[in-house]
N, C-alpha and C. Protein backbone atom coordinates (compact mmCIF):
# COMPACT_ATOMS: atom_id res chain seq x y z
N MET A 1 -30.82 -188.51 55.45
CA MET A 1 -31.23 -189.66 54.75
C MET A 1 -30.86 -189.69 53.38
N GLU A 2 -30.90 -188.48 52.68
CA GLU A 2 -30.51 -188.50 51.25
C GLU A 2 -29.07 -188.77 51.08
N ASP A 3 -28.21 -188.41 51.84
CA ASP A 3 -26.77 -188.81 51.71
C ASP A 3 -26.64 -190.34 51.75
N ILE A 4 -27.29 -190.98 52.65
CA ILE A 4 -27.24 -192.35 52.70
C ILE A 4 -27.83 -193.10 51.50
N LEU A 5 -29.04 -192.57 51.03
CA LEU A 5 -29.68 -193.16 50.01
C LEU A 5 -28.80 -193.07 48.64
N GLU A 6 -28.07 -191.98 48.59
CA GLU A 6 -27.21 -191.77 47.37
C GLU A 6 -25.80 -192.39 47.56
N GLY A 7 -25.58 -192.78 48.80
CA GLY A 7 -24.24 -193.43 48.99
C GLY A 7 -24.23 -194.90 49.08
N GLU A 8 -23.54 -195.41 50.09
CA GLU A 8 -23.40 -196.82 50.41
C GLU A 8 -24.52 -197.44 51.18
N PRO A 9 -24.78 -198.71 51.04
CA PRO A 9 -25.76 -199.31 51.99
C PRO A 9 -25.24 -199.21 53.47
N MET A 10 -26.27 -199.10 54.36
CA MET A 10 -25.68 -198.98 55.81
C MET A 10 -26.42 -200.04 56.69
N TYR A 11 -25.73 -200.69 57.62
CA TYR A 11 -26.33 -201.60 58.56
C TYR A 11 -26.99 -200.69 59.47
N ILE A 12 -28.35 -201.06 59.72
CA ILE A 12 -29.04 -200.31 60.69
C ILE A 12 -29.35 -201.32 61.90
N ILE A 13 -29.21 -202.57 61.70
CA ILE A 13 -29.40 -203.59 62.83
C ILE A 13 -28.14 -204.48 62.74
N ARG A 14 -27.52 -204.76 63.84
CA ARG A 14 -26.51 -205.71 63.99
C ARG A 14 -26.72 -206.58 65.31
N ASP A 15 -26.99 -207.87 65.14
CA ASP A 15 -27.13 -208.75 66.32
C ASP A 15 -28.24 -208.29 67.20
N GLY A 16 -29.40 -207.96 66.58
CA GLY A 16 -30.63 -207.69 67.38
C GLY A 16 -30.76 -206.29 67.91
N LYS A 17 -29.81 -205.39 67.66
CA LYS A 17 -29.95 -204.00 68.17
C LYS A 17 -29.42 -203.11 67.03
N VAL A 18 -29.82 -201.79 67.32
CA VAL A 18 -29.47 -200.73 66.36
C VAL A 18 -28.00 -200.63 66.27
N SER A 19 -27.51 -200.60 65.10
CA SER A 19 -25.97 -200.41 64.84
C SER A 19 -25.52 -199.08 65.29
N LYS A 20 -24.27 -199.08 65.66
CA LYS A 20 -23.60 -197.87 66.04
C LYS A 20 -23.60 -196.83 64.87
N GLU A 21 -23.53 -197.36 63.66
CA GLU A 21 -23.59 -196.48 62.48
C GLU A 21 -24.95 -195.69 62.40
N ALA A 22 -26.00 -196.40 62.66
CA ALA A 22 -27.34 -195.88 62.53
C ALA A 22 -27.59 -195.00 63.61
N LEU A 23 -27.08 -195.15 64.91
CA LEU A 23 -27.11 -194.23 66.01
C LEU A 23 -26.40 -193.04 65.74
N LYS A 24 -25.25 -193.17 65.24
CA LYS A 24 -24.31 -191.98 64.95
C LYS A 24 -24.99 -191.10 63.90
N ASN A 25 -25.48 -191.68 62.79
CA ASN A 25 -26.05 -191.02 61.69
C ASN A 25 -27.46 -190.66 61.73
N LYS A 26 -28.12 -191.08 62.94
CA LYS A 26 -29.54 -190.84 63.14
C LYS A 26 -30.45 -191.16 61.91
N VAL A 27 -30.18 -192.28 61.30
CA VAL A 27 -30.92 -192.58 60.08
C VAL A 27 -32.25 -193.32 60.30
N LEU A 28 -32.38 -193.78 61.52
CA LEU A 28 -33.51 -194.70 61.80
C LEU A 28 -34.76 -194.03 62.34
N ALA A 29 -35.79 -194.05 61.67
CA ALA A 29 -37.13 -193.52 62.07
C ALA A 29 -37.82 -194.77 62.61
N GLY A 30 -38.00 -194.93 63.97
CA GLY A 30 -38.58 -196.13 64.53
C GLY A 30 -39.72 -196.73 64.01
N ASP A 31 -40.75 -195.77 63.77
CA ASP A 31 -42.00 -196.35 63.19
C ASP A 31 -41.91 -196.90 61.82
N GLU A 32 -41.23 -196.33 60.97
CA GLU A 32 -41.06 -196.92 59.60
C GLU A 32 -40.28 -198.22 59.70
N PHE A 33 -39.15 -198.19 60.45
CA PHE A 33 -38.42 -199.38 60.58
C PHE A 33 -39.20 -200.60 61.20
N PHE A 34 -39.93 -200.36 62.24
CA PHE A 34 -40.77 -201.31 62.82
C PHE A 34 -41.72 -201.79 61.82
N ALA A 35 -42.27 -200.93 61.06
CA ALA A 35 -43.26 -201.32 60.05
C ALA A 35 -42.66 -202.32 59.07
N SER A 36 -41.36 -202.00 58.64
CA SER A 36 -40.61 -202.99 57.75
C SER A 36 -40.45 -204.28 58.44
N LEU A 37 -40.08 -204.44 59.68
CA LEU A 37 -40.07 -205.74 60.37
C LEU A 37 -41.46 -206.36 60.38
N ARG A 38 -42.42 -205.65 60.76
CA ARG A 38 -43.81 -206.27 60.80
C ARG A 38 -44.22 -206.77 59.48
N PHE A 39 -43.98 -206.09 58.42
CA PHE A 39 -44.39 -206.52 57.13
C PHE A 39 -43.67 -207.91 56.68
N GLN A 40 -42.52 -208.09 57.30
CA GLN A 40 -41.82 -209.30 57.02
C GLN A 40 -42.02 -210.40 58.18
N ASN A 41 -43.08 -210.10 59.04
CA ASN A 41 -43.53 -211.01 60.01
C ASN A 41 -42.51 -211.22 61.23
N PHE A 42 -41.69 -210.24 61.47
CA PHE A 42 -40.90 -210.22 62.69
C PHE A 42 -41.63 -209.69 63.82
N SER A 43 -41.53 -210.21 65.04
CA SER A 43 -42.19 -209.64 66.20
C SER A 43 -41.27 -208.87 67.12
N HIS A 44 -40.07 -209.14 67.00
CA HIS A 44 -39.01 -208.33 67.79
C HIS A 44 -37.59 -208.37 67.21
N MET A 45 -36.83 -207.41 67.59
CA MET A 45 -35.55 -207.22 67.01
C MET A 45 -34.51 -208.44 67.27
N GLY A 46 -34.80 -209.07 68.29
CA GLY A 46 -33.88 -210.21 68.68
C GLY A 46 -33.85 -211.30 67.68
N GLN A 47 -34.81 -211.28 66.68
CA GLN A 47 -34.86 -212.22 65.54
C GLN A 47 -34.05 -211.83 64.38
N VAL A 48 -33.49 -210.56 64.44
CA VAL A 48 -32.78 -209.93 63.35
C VAL A 48 -31.24 -210.05 63.52
N LYS A 49 -30.52 -210.76 62.73
CA LYS A 49 -29.12 -210.83 62.77
C LYS A 49 -28.54 -209.53 62.16
N ALA A 50 -29.11 -209.07 60.98
CA ALA A 50 -28.65 -207.84 60.36
C ALA A 50 -29.76 -207.26 59.54
N ALA A 51 -29.78 -205.92 59.53
CA ALA A 51 -30.69 -205.24 58.60
C ALA A 51 -29.93 -204.19 57.91
N ILE A 52 -30.10 -203.95 56.66
CA ILE A 52 -29.37 -203.01 55.94
C ILE A 52 -30.31 -202.07 55.09
N LEU A 53 -30.01 -200.73 55.25
CA LEU A 53 -30.72 -199.76 54.50
C LEU A 53 -30.09 -199.66 53.28
N GLU A 54 -30.68 -200.08 52.23
CA GLU A 54 -30.14 -200.03 50.79
C GLU A 54 -30.21 -198.64 50.27
N THR A 55 -29.40 -198.43 49.27
CA THR A 55 -29.53 -197.05 48.59
C THR A 55 -30.79 -196.77 47.93
N SER A 56 -31.66 -197.77 47.73
CA SER A 56 -32.93 -197.53 47.09
C SER A 56 -33.89 -197.11 48.17
N GLY A 57 -33.59 -197.18 49.56
CA GLY A 57 -34.59 -196.92 50.47
C GLY A 57 -35.08 -198.13 51.14
N GLU A 58 -35.02 -199.35 50.41
CA GLU A 58 -35.59 -200.53 50.93
C GLU A 58 -34.66 -201.10 52.05
N VAL A 59 -35.25 -201.94 52.87
CA VAL A 59 -34.53 -202.53 54.08
C VAL A 59 -34.40 -203.99 53.75
N SER A 60 -33.18 -204.52 53.72
CA SER A 60 -32.82 -205.92 53.54
C SER A 60 -32.64 -206.41 55.02
N ILE A 61 -33.20 -207.64 55.23
CA ILE A 61 -33.17 -208.22 56.63
C ILE A 61 -32.72 -209.61 56.57
N LEU A 62 -31.71 -209.97 57.38
CA LEU A 62 -31.15 -211.37 57.53
C LEU A 62 -31.61 -211.89 58.96
N PRO A 63 -32.48 -212.74 59.04
CA PRO A 63 -32.87 -213.27 60.34
C PRO A 63 -31.77 -214.18 61.01
N PHE A 64 -31.90 -214.34 62.28
CA PHE A 64 -31.21 -215.32 62.92
C PHE A 64 -31.72 -216.69 62.71
N LYS A 65 -31.03 -217.80 62.65
CA LYS A 65 -31.55 -219.03 62.84
C LYS A 65 -32.40 -219.27 63.97
N ASP A 66 -33.27 -220.16 64.03
CA ASP A 66 -34.14 -220.27 65.18
C ASP A 66 -33.45 -220.50 66.48
N ASP A 67 -32.25 -221.36 66.47
CA ASP A 67 -31.57 -221.62 67.71
C ASP A 67 -30.72 -220.47 68.07
N GLU A 68 -30.63 -219.40 67.26
CA GLU A 68 -29.80 -218.23 67.61
C GLU A 68 -30.68 -216.96 68.05
N VAL A 69 -32.03 -217.09 67.96
CA VAL A 69 -32.75 -215.95 68.39
C VAL A 69 -32.62 -215.60 69.85
N LYS A 70 -32.63 -214.37 70.17
CA LYS A 70 -32.40 -214.03 71.48
C LYS A 70 -33.53 -213.00 71.86
N PRO A 71 -33.75 -212.67 73.12
CA PRO A 71 -34.72 -211.66 73.52
C PRO A 71 -34.51 -210.41 72.79
N GLY A 72 -35.69 -209.74 72.43
CA GLY A 72 -35.46 -208.45 71.82
C GLY A 72 -36.53 -207.46 72.00
N LEU A 73 -36.33 -206.28 71.52
CA LEU A 73 -37.30 -205.20 71.58
C LEU A 73 -38.50 -205.52 70.64
N PRO A 74 -39.75 -205.52 71.31
CA PRO A 74 -40.93 -205.78 70.34
C PRO A 74 -41.05 -204.70 69.37
N VAL A 75 -41.64 -205.09 68.23
CA VAL A 75 -41.90 -204.04 67.12
C VAL A 75 -43.35 -203.90 66.95
N TRP A 76 -44.22 -204.50 67.75
CA TRP A 76 -45.83 -204.30 67.66
C TRP A 76 -46.15 -203.18 68.61
N PRO A 77 -46.85 -202.25 68.20
CA PRO A 77 -47.41 -201.09 68.98
C PRO A 77 -47.89 -201.44 70.36
N ASP A 78 -48.77 -202.44 70.31
CA ASP A 78 -49.35 -202.79 71.70
C ASP A 78 -48.25 -203.23 72.68
N LEU A 79 -47.17 -203.81 72.22
CA LEU A 79 -46.19 -204.14 73.21
C LEU A 79 -45.23 -203.14 73.68
N LEU A 80 -45.25 -201.96 72.95
CA LEU A 80 -44.39 -200.82 73.25
C LEU A 80 -44.91 -199.75 74.30
N HIS A 81 -46.14 -200.04 74.80
CA HIS A 81 -46.76 -199.02 75.63
C HIS A 81 -46.24 -199.04 77.13
N ASN A 82 -45.72 -200.25 77.55
CA ASN A 82 -45.33 -200.42 78.99
C ASN A 82 -43.74 -200.16 79.01
N MET A 83 -43.56 -198.93 79.29
CA MET A 83 -42.13 -198.39 79.38
C MET A 83 -41.82 -198.31 80.82
N TYR A 84 -40.45 -198.67 81.17
CA TYR A 84 -40.19 -198.61 82.57
C TYR A 84 -38.81 -197.88 82.81
N LYS A 85 -38.76 -197.16 83.79
CA LYS A 85 -37.46 -196.54 84.31
C LYS A 85 -37.08 -197.39 85.54
N VAL A 86 -37.95 -197.95 86.28
CA VAL A 86 -37.76 -198.81 87.36
C VAL A 86 -38.40 -200.11 87.00
N MET A 87 -37.71 -201.25 87.02
CA MET A 87 -38.25 -202.47 86.55
C MET A 87 -39.29 -203.06 87.47
N PRO A 88 -40.41 -203.50 86.94
CA PRO A 88 -41.50 -204.05 87.81
C PRO A 88 -41.26 -205.47 88.31
N ALA A 89 -40.31 -206.16 87.75
CA ALA A 89 -40.07 -207.65 87.97
C ALA A 89 -38.75 -208.04 87.49
N ASP A 90 -38.13 -209.11 87.91
CA ASP A 90 -36.95 -209.63 87.36
C ASP A 90 -37.21 -210.04 85.93
N GLY A 91 -36.36 -209.80 85.05
CA GLY A 91 -36.47 -210.19 83.63
C GLY A 91 -35.51 -209.60 82.66
N VAL A 92 -35.73 -209.79 81.40
CA VAL A 92 -34.85 -209.30 80.44
C VAL A 92 -35.69 -208.08 79.76
N TYR A 93 -34.94 -207.00 79.72
CA TYR A 93 -35.54 -205.69 79.25
C TYR A 93 -34.72 -205.18 78.00
N ALA A 94 -35.37 -204.50 77.16
CA ALA A 94 -34.72 -203.93 76.02
C ALA A 94 -34.77 -202.37 75.96
N CYS A 95 -33.68 -201.79 75.72
CA CYS A 95 -33.56 -200.38 75.65
C CYS A 95 -34.54 -199.81 74.57
N TYR A 96 -35.36 -198.86 74.83
CA TYR A 96 -36.27 -198.32 73.86
C TYR A 96 -35.71 -197.65 72.77
N THR A 97 -34.52 -197.14 72.91
CA THR A 97 -33.71 -196.38 71.91
C THR A 97 -33.03 -197.33 70.95
N CYS A 98 -32.29 -198.24 71.35
CA CYS A 98 -31.39 -199.05 70.53
C CYS A 98 -31.69 -200.53 70.42
N GLY A 99 -32.58 -201.10 71.38
CA GLY A 99 -32.89 -202.51 71.39
C GLY A 99 -31.94 -203.44 72.12
N SER A 100 -30.86 -202.78 72.67
CA SER A 100 -29.86 -203.55 73.43
C SER A 100 -30.64 -204.21 74.74
N THR A 101 -30.34 -205.43 75.06
CA THR A 101 -31.07 -206.08 76.18
C THR A 101 -30.10 -206.20 77.35
N LYS A 102 -30.78 -206.40 78.45
CA LYS A 102 -30.12 -206.50 79.76
C LYS A 102 -31.09 -207.20 80.73
N HIS A 103 -30.55 -208.17 81.46
CA HIS A 103 -31.22 -208.83 82.54
C HIS A 103 -31.27 -207.90 83.74
N MET A 104 -32.40 -207.58 84.27
CA MET A 104 -32.50 -206.70 85.39
C MET A 104 -33.34 -207.21 86.53
N ALA A 105 -33.15 -206.73 87.66
CA ALA A 105 -33.86 -207.27 88.87
C ALA A 105 -35.06 -206.33 89.12
N ARG A 106 -35.98 -206.71 89.87
CA ARG A 106 -37.08 -205.90 90.30
C ARG A 106 -36.59 -204.65 90.99
N ASP A 107 -37.23 -203.52 90.70
CA ASP A 107 -36.86 -202.17 91.29
C ASP A 107 -35.43 -201.65 90.75
N GLU A 108 -34.87 -202.27 89.82
CA GLU A 108 -33.61 -201.82 89.31
C GLU A 108 -33.86 -200.66 88.33
N LYS A 109 -32.87 -199.69 88.32
CA LYS A 109 -32.80 -198.67 87.40
C LYS A 109 -31.52 -198.80 86.59
N ALA A 110 -31.61 -198.51 85.31
CA ALA A 110 -30.30 -198.50 84.57
C ALA A 110 -30.24 -197.64 83.36
N ASP A 111 -29.09 -197.08 83.08
CA ASP A 111 -28.94 -196.49 81.78
C ASP A 111 -28.46 -197.52 80.79
N CYS A 112 -28.69 -197.31 79.51
CA CYS A 112 -28.26 -198.25 78.51
C CYS A 112 -26.69 -198.03 78.23
N THR A 113 -25.90 -199.07 78.39
CA THR A 113 -24.56 -199.05 78.20
C THR A 113 -24.12 -199.08 76.74
N PHE A 114 -25.04 -199.46 75.77
CA PHE A 114 -24.78 -199.50 74.42
C PHE A 114 -24.97 -198.13 73.72
N CYS A 115 -26.10 -197.55 73.87
CA CYS A 115 -26.31 -196.23 73.23
C CYS A 115 -26.12 -195.12 74.15
N LYS A 116 -26.14 -195.32 75.42
CA LYS A 116 -25.86 -194.27 76.35
C LYS A 116 -26.81 -193.09 76.27
N LYS A 117 -27.96 -193.34 75.74
CA LYS A 117 -28.94 -192.27 75.41
C LYS A 117 -30.23 -192.58 76.12
N ASN A 118 -30.30 -193.60 76.91
CA ASN A 118 -31.62 -194.05 77.38
C ASN A 118 -31.60 -194.67 78.76
N ASN A 119 -32.73 -194.47 79.48
CA ASN A 119 -32.91 -195.19 80.68
C ASN A 119 -34.30 -195.63 80.73
N VAL A 120 -34.93 -195.71 79.55
CA VAL A 120 -36.36 -196.33 79.42
C VAL A 120 -36.23 -197.70 78.72
N TRP A 121 -36.89 -198.66 79.40
CA TRP A 121 -36.86 -200.01 79.01
C TRP A 121 -38.24 -200.57 78.84
N ILE A 122 -38.25 -201.64 77.99
CA ILE A 122 -39.46 -202.40 77.67
C ILE A 122 -39.20 -203.84 77.81
N GLU A 123 -40.17 -204.57 78.37
CA GLU A 123 -39.83 -206.02 78.50
C GLU A 123 -39.54 -206.66 77.13
N ALA A 124 -38.51 -207.38 77.09
CA ALA A 124 -38.00 -207.96 75.87
C ALA A 124 -39.01 -209.25 75.66
N ILE A 125 -39.09 -209.60 74.35
CA ILE A 125 -39.84 -210.87 74.14
C ILE A 125 -38.89 -211.87 73.39
N SER A 126 -39.21 -213.11 73.46
CA SER A 126 -38.24 -214.09 72.96
C SER A 126 -38.82 -215.08 71.98
N GLU A 127 -39.91 -214.80 71.31
CA GLU A 127 -40.44 -215.58 70.31
C GLU A 127 -39.45 -215.98 69.22
N VAL A 128 -39.43 -217.24 68.91
CA VAL A 128 -38.64 -217.82 67.75
C VAL A 128 -39.28 -217.58 66.47
N LYS A 129 -40.46 -217.97 66.33
CA LYS A 129 -41.16 -217.89 65.07
C LYS A 129 -41.35 -216.43 64.64
N LYS A 130 -41.28 -216.25 63.34
CA LYS A 130 -41.47 -214.96 62.69
C LYS A 130 -42.96 -214.58 62.61
N GLU A 131 -43.68 -214.56 63.67
CA GLU A 131 -45.08 -214.21 63.71
C GLU A 131 -45.45 -213.69 65.05
N PHE A 132 -46.42 -212.89 65.08
CA PHE A 132 -46.96 -212.36 66.24
C PHE A 132 -48.16 -213.10 66.62
N VAL A 133 -48.08 -213.62 67.99
CA VAL A 133 -49.13 -214.44 68.54
C VAL A 133 -50.06 -213.58 69.34
């Protein structure tokens, strides 16, 4: 983290999921990042077009426009408890590691094709408003 804070700003979210740079450099501590999103009233990563870890340690966030928001990984603790390796129903699920989303069928199992590090999924949410209901 020190190298990043003394160097260049780094994208940590691109198009609603953790960036390849952040995955490669392991700069993302989920709890702190989710707290940053919650402080700015985001309920899921699908609302975030881009997030940059600044050299100061602050996170700058660029939201999607309302009509561009897509399903995403929830950032509220209560919504992160139901983790699945086998999907309980048809729907859109988000990778617990990177936030990448995938439509899956009931009883389907899948590895994440984006981060290739996970087979644990959470039901994605699709709220447009930047507030938790």
